[in-house]
Each structure stands twice: as structure tokens, then as C-alpha cells.
Amino acid sequence: MEGSTEVPLVGGAGDGDSVVVELDVHGRPPLTHHHVTDGGLGRAEIYELESVSGSGSPWRYRCRGRGRGAV
């Protein structure tokens, strides 16, 4: 089951936005998403996949912090 889906972002600079990601062969999004802003990939915020119960998307990405280049 491959394809794509839209996953909302929670927390960080991307809060309230969503990203379209490719699903793996089991129908799941990637476990992490790196949200790149004007600071480049080294300062990207790292979002981790969470399962969500109820209506709407069955997943969301929650901000867990910045990349190694963050100050």
C-alpha cells in the first residue's frame, strides 16, 4: 500500500501547517520529518510521528527540537 497522505505538524515553527509525505509499503508515513526553515537543514526542526485516535488524520508530527546546528 504505497501512496501519500497529508500529516499535520504540532509545535515548533510549523505548528498548524501540514506536510504531504509518501507512505511506505505498510501504509505508514516516515517516523520523522525534518522541517527546514531559513536556517537550513542543520537548524531544521525534527518532528516525530504520533498516532492519533478519533476523526481526522490518524497521524501527526510533533516537534521534538532542532537539529545539531541549533543554538
N, C-alpha and C. Protein backbone atom coordinates (compact mmCIF):
# COMPACT_ATOMS: atom_id res chain seq x y z
N MET A 1 0.84 -1.18 0.00
CA MET A 1 0.00 0.00 0.00
C MET A 1 0.89 1.24 0.00
N GLU A 2 1.23 1.71 -1.15
CA GLU A 2 2.01 2.93 -1.24
C GLU A 2 1.11 4.06 -1.68
N GLY A 3 1.56 5.27 -1.52
CA GLY A 3 0.80 6.45 -1.88
C GLY A 3 1.32 7.60 -1.06
N SER A 4 0.47 8.58 -0.81
CA SER A 4 0.87 9.72 0.00
C SER A 4 -0.31 10.16 0.87
N THR A 5 0.00 10.94 1.89
CA THR A 5 -1.03 11.47 2.79
C THR A 5 -0.55 12.80 3.36
N GLU A 6 -1.49 13.56 3.85
CA GLU A 6 -1.19 14.84 4.48
C GLU A 6 -1.18 14.63 5.99
N VAL A 7 -0.10 15.09 6.65
CA VAL A 7 0.07 14.91 8.09
C VAL A 7 0.25 16.28 8.73
N PRO A 8 -0.55 16.63 9.75
CA PRO A 8 -0.41 17.93 10.41
C PRO A 8 0.85 18.00 11.29
N LEU A 9 1.39 19.22 11.42
CA LEU A 9 2.53 19.48 12.30
C LEU A 9 2.03 20.14 13.59
N VAL A 10 2.57 19.71 14.73
CA VAL A 10 2.17 20.24 16.03
C VAL A 10 3.42 20.74 16.75
N GLY A 11 3.40 22.02 17.15
CA GLY A 11 4.53 22.61 17.84
C GLY A 11 5.56 23.16 16.86
N GLY A 12 6.51 23.91 17.39
CA GLY A 12 7.59 24.46 16.57
C GLY A 12 7.11 25.47 15.56
N ALA A 13 7.99 25.80 14.63
CA ALA A 13 7.70 26.80 13.61
C ALA A 13 6.60 26.36 12.65
N GLY A 14 6.43 25.07 12.48
CA GLY A 14 5.43 24.55 11.54
C GLY A 14 4.07 24.32 12.16
N ASP A 15 3.86 24.69 13.42
CA ASP A 15 2.60 24.43 14.11
C ASP A 15 1.41 24.94 13.30
N GLY A 16 0.46 24.06 13.08
CA GLY A 16 -0.74 24.42 12.33
C GLY A 16 -0.64 24.14 10.84
N ASP A 17 0.58 23.92 10.34
CA ASP A 17 0.77 23.56 8.94
C ASP A 17 0.65 22.04 8.81
N SER A 18 0.73 21.57 7.59
CA SER A 18 0.77 20.13 7.37
C SER A 18 1.72 19.86 6.21
N VAL A 19 2.17 18.61 6.12
CA VAL A 19 3.08 18.20 5.05
C VAL A 19 2.51 16.99 4.35
N VAL A 20 2.80 16.87 3.07
CA VAL A 20 2.42 15.69 2.31
C VAL A 20 3.63 14.78 2.28
N VAL A 21 3.45 13.53 2.74
CA VAL A 21 4.54 12.57 2.80
C VAL A 21 4.15 11.29 2.07
N GLU A 22 5.17 10.59 1.61
CA GLU A 22 4.96 9.30 0.96
C GLU A 22 4.77 8.21 2.01
N LEU A 23 3.86 7.30 1.76
CA LEU A 23 3.62 6.17 2.66
C LEU A 23 4.52 5.01 2.27
N ASP A 24 4.93 4.22 3.27
CA ASP A 24 5.74 3.05 2.97
C ASP A 24 4.84 1.90 2.51
N VAL A 25 5.42 0.74 2.28
CA VAL A 25 4.66 -0.40 1.77
C VAL A 25 3.61 -0.90 2.77
N HIS A 26 3.71 -0.48 4.04
CA HIS A 26 2.74 -0.86 5.07
C HIS A 26 1.69 0.22 5.29
N GLY A 27 1.75 1.31 4.50
CA GLY A 27 0.77 2.38 4.61
C GLY A 27 1.05 3.39 5.69
N ARG A 28 2.31 3.46 6.17
CA ARG A 28 2.68 4.40 7.24
C ARG A 28 3.58 5.51 6.70
N PRO A 29 3.44 6.71 7.27
CA PRO A 29 4.37 7.80 6.92
C PRO A 29 5.74 7.55 7.55
N PRO A 30 6.77 8.29 7.13
CA PRO A 30 8.08 8.18 7.77
C PRO A 30 7.98 8.50 9.26
N LEU A 31 8.86 7.93 10.07
CA LEU A 31 8.82 8.13 11.52
C LEU A 31 9.21 9.54 11.92
N THR A 32 10.01 10.23 11.10
CA THR A 32 10.41 11.60 11.40
C THR A 32 10.25 12.48 10.17
N HIS A 33 10.10 13.77 10.42
CA HIS A 33 10.06 14.78 9.35
C HIS A 33 10.95 15.92 9.79
N HIS A 34 11.85 16.36 8.92
CA HIS A 34 12.73 17.49 9.21
C HIS A 34 12.14 18.73 8.54
N HIS A 35 11.68 19.66 9.36
CA HIS A 35 11.04 20.88 8.86
C HIS A 35 12.12 21.95 8.68
N VAL A 36 12.46 22.21 7.42
CA VAL A 36 13.53 23.14 7.10
C VAL A 36 12.97 24.55 6.98
N THR A 37 13.62 25.49 7.65
CA THR A 37 13.26 26.91 7.55
C THR A 37 14.45 27.64 6.95
N ASP A 38 14.50 28.95 7.11
CA ASP A 38 15.59 29.73 6.52
C ASP A 38 16.95 29.43 7.15
N GLY A 39 17.00 28.69 8.25
CA GLY A 39 18.26 28.33 8.89
C GLY A 39 18.94 27.14 8.23
N GLY A 40 18.32 26.53 7.23
CA GLY A 40 18.90 25.40 6.53
C GLY A 40 18.68 24.08 7.26
N LEU A 41 19.15 23.02 6.66
CA LEU A 41 18.92 21.68 7.19
C LEU A 41 19.58 21.48 8.57
N GLY A 42 20.73 22.11 8.80
CA GLY A 42 21.41 21.96 10.08
C GLY A 42 20.61 22.52 11.25
N ARG A 43 19.69 23.44 10.98
CA ARG A 43 18.86 24.02 12.04
C ARG A 43 17.39 23.61 11.89
N ALA A 44 17.16 22.57 11.12
CA ALA A 44 15.79 22.09 10.90
C ALA A 44 15.19 21.57 12.20
N GLU A 45 13.90 21.78 12.36
CA GLU A 45 13.18 21.20 13.49
C GLU A 45 12.84 19.76 13.16
N ILE A 46 12.99 18.90 14.14
CA ILE A 46 12.71 17.48 13.95
C ILE A 46 11.34 17.17 14.54
N TYR A 47 10.48 16.60 13.71
CA TYR A 47 9.13 16.20 14.13
C TYR A 47 9.06 14.69 14.12
N GLU A 48 8.44 14.11 15.15
CA GLU A 48 8.28 12.66 15.26
C GLU A 48 6.82 12.28 15.08
N LEU A 49 6.60 11.18 14.39
CA LEU A 49 5.26 10.69 14.10
C LEU A 49 4.57 10.18 15.36
N GLU A 50 3.31 10.55 15.52
CA GLU A 50 2.46 10.05 16.61
C GLU A 50 1.16 9.54 16.02
N SER A 51 0.61 8.51 16.61
CA SER A 51 -0.72 8.03 16.24
C SER A 51 -1.76 8.89 16.94
N VAL A 52 -2.88 9.12 16.26
CA VAL A 52 -3.97 9.93 16.82
C VAL A 52 -5.26 9.14 16.69
N SER A 53 -6.02 9.07 17.77
CA SER A 53 -7.32 8.41 17.69
C SER A 53 -8.40 9.45 17.43
N GLY A 54 -9.51 9.00 16.93
CA GLY A 54 -10.62 9.91 16.65
C GLY A 54 -10.72 10.22 15.17
N SER A 55 -11.45 11.27 14.85
CA SER A 55 -11.66 11.63 13.44
C SER A 55 -10.47 12.43 12.92
N GLY A 56 -10.36 12.53 11.63
CA GLY A 56 -9.26 13.26 11.02
C GLY A 56 -8.10 12.34 10.71
N SER A 57 -6.94 12.93 10.54
CA SER A 57 -5.74 12.17 10.21
C SER A 57 -5.40 11.19 11.33
N PRO A 58 -5.02 9.96 10.99
CA PRO A 58 -4.64 9.00 12.05
C PRO A 58 -3.24 9.26 12.60
N TRP A 59 -2.53 10.26 12.04
CA TRP A 59 -1.17 10.59 12.48
C TRP A 59 -1.00 12.09 12.60
N ARG A 60 0.05 12.47 13.34
CA ARG A 60 0.51 13.85 13.36
C ARG A 60 2.01 13.81 13.64
N TYR A 61 2.69 14.88 13.27
CA TYR A 61 4.11 15.04 13.61
C TYR A 61 4.21 16.07 14.72
N ARG A 62 4.86 15.70 15.84
CA ARG A 62 5.04 16.61 16.99
C ARG A 62 6.51 17.03 17.02
N CYS A 63 6.72 18.34 17.21
CA CYS A 63 8.07 18.90 17.25
C CYS A 63 8.83 18.36 18.46
N ARG A 64 10.05 17.88 18.22
CA ARG A 64 10.90 17.36 19.29
C ARG A 64 12.17 18.17 19.47
N GLY A 65 12.35 19.21 18.68
CA GLY A 65 13.54 20.05 18.84
C GLY A 65 14.20 20.35 17.52
N ARG A 66 15.37 20.93 17.61
CA ARG A 66 16.10 21.34 16.41
C ARG A 66 17.27 20.41 16.16
N GLY A 67 17.79 20.52 14.93
CA GLY A 67 18.97 19.75 14.54
C GLY A 67 20.21 20.15 15.32
N ARG A 68 21.31 19.49 15.05
CA ARG A 68 22.55 19.69 15.80
C ARG A 68 23.11 21.10 15.69
N GLY A 69 22.78 21.84 14.62
CA GLY A 69 23.32 23.18 14.45
C GLY A 69 22.60 24.24 15.23
N ALA A 70 21.57 23.88 15.98
CA ALA A 70 20.77 24.88 16.70
C ALA A 70 21.54 25.46 17.86
N VAL A 71 21.23 26.70 18.16
CA VAL A 71 21.85 27.38 19.29
C VAL A 71 20.80 27.61 20.36
